């Protein structure tokens, strides 16, 4: 079963009481994340967490955990592999 954008927006409005604009924005944000490939996600998430003041060792662990929960198939990466994808 797959749901479309309009179905997702309707569910957010019904379940969470979102306005039409809030639901549309939430769905757009989710789809933006799902469109990223693994390297794009790692880079974007690293920058986001650094901007929040997190330190790299914590960031790398968190990204490794988050990769296992995302919809795209991501290989199990060690913190060292994540660091190398960010810094080369």
Foldseek 3Di string as FASTA:
>chain_A
DDDDLVVQLVCCCVVVVDDSVRSNVVSVVLVVQVPDDLLVNLQVQVVVVVVVVDDLVVSLVVSLVVQVVDDDDDDRDHSVRSVVSNVD
